Amino acid sequence: MADQPQNHTPFEAVIVDGGRIPFQRSGTGYKKLMAYDLGRMAIEGLIGRAPINGNDLDRVIMGTVIQDVNTALNDYKSYVKQLESSEKALQAAERAYETQKQRYEVGAGTLIELSEANARYVEAQSSRAQALFRVIFQQQILEYYIGKLDQNVSLN
């Protein structure tokens, strides 16, 4: 890529190169590494051979072909904690809304305060729904990895 013109504006995306780590049999050399460790190795190799200084990079886009089971399990645990947190936030938002509603009904609160409490309650409901979706989706990924999910069953 060194023969390519170096003329680009600060707002253009420039693809420098691509990289990967060497293939190995499952459960061997990369067994104790997480997906982000493998990504770091690939990026370090890429920067080492690319015709640019690594300090000149603004962003790096990367991904994995196969998610590691350990990474999937850690993601699941994290999503469960997010769900628990979102449920507590939802309960608090619901209590705050009910309190504002009572204040409004007796004339101690304004319509704006009630509307704001309602908006926070709706937002908390949405956050909880998103957290629940992430938990269910990640659970399906885990079941697939450990062989419990039948690959032939349509999820439509």
C-alpha atoms as a PDB file:
ATOM      1  CA  MET A   1       0.000   0.000   0.000  1.00  0.00           C
ATOM      2  CA  ALA A   2       3.060   2.272   0.151  1.00  0.00           C
ATOM      3  CA  ASP A   3       2.640   3.196  -3.534  1.00  0.00           C
ATOM      4  CA  GLN A   4      -0.841   4.680  -2.926  1.00  0.00           C
ATOM      5  CA  PRO A   5      -1.234   8.474  -2.888  1.00  0.00           C
ATOM      6  CA  GLN A   6      -1.145   9.980   0.583  1.00  0.00           C
ATOM      7  CA  ASN A   7      -3.629  12.780  -0.234  1.00  0.00           C
ATOM      8  CA  HIS A   8      -6.670  12.627   2.009  1.00  0.00           C
ATOM      9  CA  THR A   9      -8.692  15.087   4.042  1.00  0.00           C
ATOM     10  CA  PRO A  10      -9.007  14.689   7.813  1.00  0.00           C
ATOM     11  CA  PHE A  11     -12.584  13.450   7.344  1.00  0.00           C
ATOM     12  CA  GLU A  12     -11.928  10.589   4.944  1.00  0.00           C
ATOM     13  CA  ALA A  13     -11.751   6.951   5.961  1.00  0.00           C
ATOM     14  CA  VAL A  14      -8.547   5.338   4.826  1.00  0.00           C
ATOM     15  CA  ILE A  15      -8.145   1.571   4.804  1.00  0.00           C
ATOM     16  CA  VAL A  16      -4.522   0.846   5.532  1.00  0.00           C
ATOM     17  CA  ASP A  17      -4.492  -2.935   5.565  1.00  0.00           C
ATOM     18  CA  GLY A  18      -6.135  -5.948   7.099  1.00  0.00           C
ATOM     19  CA  GLY A  19      -4.836  -8.583   9.407  1.00  0.00           C
ATOM     20  CA  ARG A  20      -5.626 -11.730  11.313  1.00  0.00           C
ATOM     21  CA  ILE A  21      -3.921 -14.136  13.631  1.00  0.00           C
ATOM     22  CA  PRO A  22      -2.782 -17.571  12.407  1.00  0.00           C
ATOM     23  CA  PHE A  23      -5.322 -20.370  12.465  1.00  0.00           C
ATOM     24  CA  GLN A  24      -5.014 -22.977  15.204  1.00  0.00           C
ATOM     25  CA  ARG A  25      -7.058 -25.954  16.223  1.00  0.00           C
ATOM     26  CA  SER A  26      -9.819 -25.188  18.700  1.00  0.00           C
ATOM     27  CA  GLY A  27      -8.812 -25.623  22.324  1.00  0.00           C
ATOM     28  CA  THR A  28      -5.054 -25.357  21.672  1.00  0.00           C
ATOM     29  CA  GLY A  29      -2.758 -22.309  21.577  1.00  0.00           C
ATOM     30  CA  TYR A  30      -5.416 -19.629  21.982  1.00  0.00           C
ATOM     31  CA  LYS A  31      -7.453 -21.549  24.567  1.00  0.00           C
ATOM     32  CA  LYS A  32      -6.687 -19.257  27.518  1.00  0.00           C
ATOM     33  CA  LEU A  33      -7.000 -15.996  25.572  1.00  0.00           C
ATOM     34  CA  MET A  34     -10.113 -13.852  25.316  1.00  0.00           C
ATOM     35  CA  ALA A  35     -11.351 -12.519  21.969  1.00  0.00           C
ATOM     36  CA  TYR A  36     -10.013  -9.035  22.754  1.00  0.00           C
ATOM     37  CA  ASP A  37      -6.536 -10.523  23.400  1.00  0.00           C
ATOM     38  CA  LEU A  38      -6.614 -12.122  19.972  1.00  0.00           C
ATOM     39  CA  GLY A  39      -7.780  -8.833  18.435  1.00  0.00           C
ATOM     40  CA  ARG A  40      -4.939  -6.974  20.131  1.00  0.00           C
ATOM     41  CA  MET A  41      -2.452  -9.480  18.703  1.00  0.00           C
ATOM     42  CA  ALA A  42      -3.846  -8.988  15.200  1.00  0.00           C
ATOM     43  CA  ILE A  43      -3.750  -5.194  15.503  1.00  0.00           C
ATOM     44  CA  GLU A  44      -0.188  -5.220  16.847  1.00  0.00           C
ATOM     45  CA  GLY A  45       0.890  -7.357  13.882  1.00  0.00           C
ATOM     46  CA  LEU A  46      -0.915  -5.070  11.469  1.00  0.00           C
ATOM     47  CA  ILE A  47       0.658  -1.919  12.878  1.00  0.00           C
ATOM     48  CA  GLY A  48       4.060  -3.611  12.846  1.00  0.00           C
ATOM     49  CA  ARG A  49       3.932  -4.173   9.096  1.00  0.00           C
ATOM     50  CA  ALA A  50       1.807  -1.210   7.949  1.00  0.00           C
ATOM     51  CA  PRO A  51       3.521   1.700   6.191  1.00  0.00           C
ATOM     52  CA  ILE A  52       2.238   4.183   8.807  1.00  0.00           C
ATOM     53  CA  ASN A  53       2.951   5.156  12.377  1.00  0.00           C
ATOM     54  CA  GLY A  54       0.472   3.639  14.844  1.00  0.00           C
ATOM     55  CA  ASN A  55       0.161   7.035  16.542  1.00  0.00           C
ATOM     56  CA  ASP A  56      -1.415   8.400  13.347  1.00  0.00           C
ATOM     57  CA  LEU A  57      -4.420   6.072  13.651  1.00  0.00           C
ATOM     58  CA  ASP A  58      -7.643   7.639  14.869  1.00  0.00           C
ATOM     59  CA  ARG A  59      -9.793   4.525  14.869  1.00  0.00           C
ATOM     60  CA  VAL A  60      -9.442   0.818  14.267  1.00  0.00           C
ATOM     61  CA  ILE A  61     -12.354  -1.364  13.205  1.00  0.00           C
ATOM     62  CA  MET A  62     -12.103  -5.005  14.127  1.00  0.00           C
ATOM     63  CA  GLY A  63     -14.216  -8.034  14.805  1.00  0.00           C
ATOM     64  CA  THR A  64     -14.044 -11.722  15.412  1.00  0.00           C
ATOM     65  CA  VAL A  65     -15.227 -14.540  13.223  1.00  0.00           C
ATOM     66  CA  ILE A  66     -16.186 -16.790  16.103  1.00  0.00           C
ATOM     67  CA  GLN A  67     -16.992 -15.460  19.531  1.00  0.00           C
ATOM     68  CA  ASP A  68     -15.192 -17.308  22.290  1.00  0.00           C
ATOM     69  CA  VAL A  69     -17.466 -19.195  24.713  1.00  0.00           C
ATOM     70  CA  ASN A  70     -15.780 -17.459  27.660  1.00  0.00           C
ATOM     71  CA  THR A  71     -16.460 -14.066  26.097  1.00  0.00           C
ATOM     72  CA  ALA A  72     -20.083 -15.058  25.471  1.00  0.00           C
ATOM     73  CA  LEU A  73     -20.451 -16.169  29.101  1.00  0.00           C
ATOM     74  CA  ASN A  74     -18.901 -12.949  30.414  1.00  0.00           C
ATOM     75  CA  ASP A  75     -21.204 -10.932  28.142  1.00  0.00           C
ATOM     76  CA  TYR A  76     -24.194 -12.880  29.468  1.00  0.00           C
ATOM     77  CA  LYS A  77     -23.211 -12.209  33.089  1.00  0.00           C
ATOM     78  CA  SER A  78     -22.751  -8.527  32.309  1.00  0.00           C
ATOM     79  CA  TYR A  79     -26.151  -8.344  30.590  1.00  0.00           C
ATOM     80  CA  VAL A  80     -27.824 -10.042  33.569  1.00  0.00           C
ATOM     81  CA  LYS A  81     -26.353  -7.371  35.858  1.00  0.00           C
ATOM     82  CA  GLN A  82     -27.541  -4.668  33.466  1.00  0.00           C
ATOM     83  CA  LEU A  83     -31.022  -6.205  33.550  1.00  0.00           C
ATOM     84  CA  GLU A  84     -31.040  -6.241  37.349  1.00  0.00           C
ATOM     85  CA  SER A  85     -29.929  -2.611  37.402  1.00  0.00           C
ATOM     86  CA  SER A  86     -32.546  -1.597  34.840  1.00  0.00           C
ATOM     87  CA  GLU A  87     -35.273  -3.321  36.885  1.00  0.00           C
ATOM     88  CA  LYS A  88     -34.287  -1.326  39.982  1.00  0.00           C
ATOM     89  CA  ALA A  89     -34.228   1.865  37.933  1.00  0.00           C
ATOM     90  CA  LEU A  90     -37.674   1.018  36.551  1.00  0.00           C
ATOM     91  CA  GLN A  91     -39.083   0.500  40.052  1.00  0.00           C
ATOM     92  CA  ALA A  92     -37.608   3.825  41.179  1.00  0.00           C
ATOM     93  CA  ALA A  93     -38.988   5.634  38.111  1.00  0.00           C
ATOM     94  CA  GLU A  94     -42.414   4.093  38.671  1.00  0.00           C
ATOM     95  CA  ARG A  95     -42.441   5.231  42.324  1.00  0.00           C
ATOM     96  CA  ALA A  96     -41.317   8.717  41.283  1.00  0.00           C
ATOM     97  CA  TYR A  97     -44.060   8.874  38.658  1.00  0.00           C
ATOM     98  CA  GLU A  98     -46.736   7.749  41.127  1.00  0.00           C
ATOM     99  CA  THR A  99     -45.520  10.336  43.642  1.00  0.00           C
ATOM    100  CA  GLN A 100     -45.627  13.112  41.019  1.00  0.00           C
ATOM    101  CA  LYS A 101     -49.065  11.946  39.918  1.00  0.00           C
ATOM    102  CA  GLN A 102     -50.365  12.199  43.497  1.00  0.00           C
ATOM    103  CA  ARG A 103     -48.747  15.620  43.934  1.00  0.00           C
ATOM    104  CA  TYR A 104     -50.368  16.809  40.704  1.00  0.00           C
ATOM    105  CA  GLU A 105     -53.792  15.483  41.722  1.00  0.00           C
ATOM    106  CA  VAL A 106     -53.745  17.446  44.992  1.00  0.00           C
ATOM    107  CA  GLY A 107     -52.384  20.590  43.330  1.00  0.00           C
ATOM    108  CA  ALA A 108     -48.873  20.412  44.798  1.00  0.00           C
ATOM    109  CA  GLY A 109     -47.169  19.525  41.513  1.00  0.00           C
ATOM    110  CA  THR A 110     -47.160  20.929  37.998  1.00  0.00           C
ATOM    111  CA  LEU A 111     -48.036  19.298  34.725  1.00  0.00           C
ATOM    112  CA  ILE A 112     -44.416  19.757  33.630  1.00  0.00           C
ATOM    113  CA  GLU A 113     -43.148  17.811  36.663  1.00  0.00           C
ATOM    114  CA  LEU A 114     -45.666  15.054  35.979  1.00  0.00           C
ATOM    115  CA  SER A 115     -44.703  14.932  32.289  1.00  0.00           C
ATOM    116  CA  GLU A 116     -40.992  14.737  33.149  1.00  0.00           C
ATOM    117  CA  ALA A 117     -41.607  11.917  35.632  1.00  0.00           C
ATOM    118  CA  ASN A 118     -43.687  10.117  33.017  1.00  0.00           C
ATOM    119  CA  ALA A 119     -40.899  10.510  30.419  1.00  0.00           C
ATOM    120  CA  ARG A 120     -38.338   9.050  32.869  1.00  0.00           C
ATOM    121  CA  TYR A 121     -40.712   6.165  33.601  1.00  0.00           C
ATOM    122  CA  VAL A 122     -41.182   5.408  29.894  1.00  0.00           C
ATOM    123  CA  GLU A 123     -37.415   5.631  29.343  1.00  0.00           C
ATOM    124  CA  ALA A 124     -36.840   3.196  32.228  1.00  0.00           C
ATOM    125  CA  GLN A 125     -39.368   0.782  30.689  1.00  0.00           C
ATOM    126  CA  SER A 126     -37.529   0.972  27.369  1.00  0.00           C
ATOM    127  CA  SER A 127     -34.132   0.411  29.025  1.00  0.00           C
ATOM    128  CA  ARG A 128     -35.474  -2.631  30.850  1.00  0.00           C
ATOM    129  CA  ALA A 129     -36.925  -4.065  27.633  1.00  0.00           C
ATOM    130  CA  GLN A 130     -33.600  -3.594  25.833  1.00  0.00           C
ATOM    131  CA  ALA A 131     -31.703  -5.202  28.728  1.00  0.00           C
ATOM    132  CA  LEU A 132     -34.097  -8.164  28.729  1.00  0.00           C
ATOM    133  CA  PHE A 133     -33.641  -8.604  24.970  1.00  0.00           C
ATOM    134  CA  ARG A 134     -29.831  -8.625  25.377  1.00  0.00           C
ATOM    135  CA  VAL A 135     -30.039 -11.282  28.099  1.00  0.00           C
ATOM    136  CA  ILE A 136     -32.339 -13.513  26.039  1.00  0.00           C
ATOM    137  CA  PHE A 137     -30.277 -13.081  22.876  1.00  0.00           C
ATOM    138  CA  GLN A 138     -26.993 -13.781  24.676  1.00  0.00           C
ATOM    139  CA  GLN A 139     -28.562 -16.832  26.332  1.00  0.00           C
ATOM    140  CA  GLN A 140     -29.419 -18.163  22.870  1.00  0.00           C
ATOM    141  CA  ILE A 141     -25.820 -17.590  21.759  1.00  0.00           C
ATOM    142  CA  LEU A 142     -24.541 -19.521  24.775  1.00  0.00           C
ATOM    143  CA  GLU A 143     -26.953 -22.379  24.132  1.00  0.00           C
ATOM    144  CA  TYR A 144     -25.760 -22.538  20.547  1.00  0.00           C
ATOM    145  CA  TYR A 145     -22.104 -22.671  21.648  1.00  0.00           C
ATOM    146  CA  ILE A 146     -22.660 -25.473  24.134  1.00  0.00           C
ATOM    147  CA  GLY A 147     -24.816 -27.447  21.722  1.00  0.00           C
ATOM    148  CA  LYS A 148     -28.189 -27.001  23.390  1.00  0.00           C
ATOM    149  CA  LEU A 149     -29.737 -24.905  20.621  1.00  0.00           C
ATOM    150  CA  ASP A 150     -30.800 -26.896  17.580  1.00  0.00           C
ATOM    151  CA  GLN A 151     -29.263 -25.260  14.516  1.00  0.00           C
ATOM    152  CA  ASN A 152     -32.149 -26.464  12.355  1.00  0.00           C
ATOM    153  CA  VAL A 153     -34.845 -24.683  14.361  1.00  0.00           C
ATOM    154  CA  SER A 154     -35.939 -21.403  12.795  1.00  0.00           C
ATOM    155  CA  LEU A 155     -35.901 -18.419  15.131  1.00  0.00           C
ATOM    156  CA  ASN A 156     -38.340 -16.463  12.923  1.00  0.00           C
END
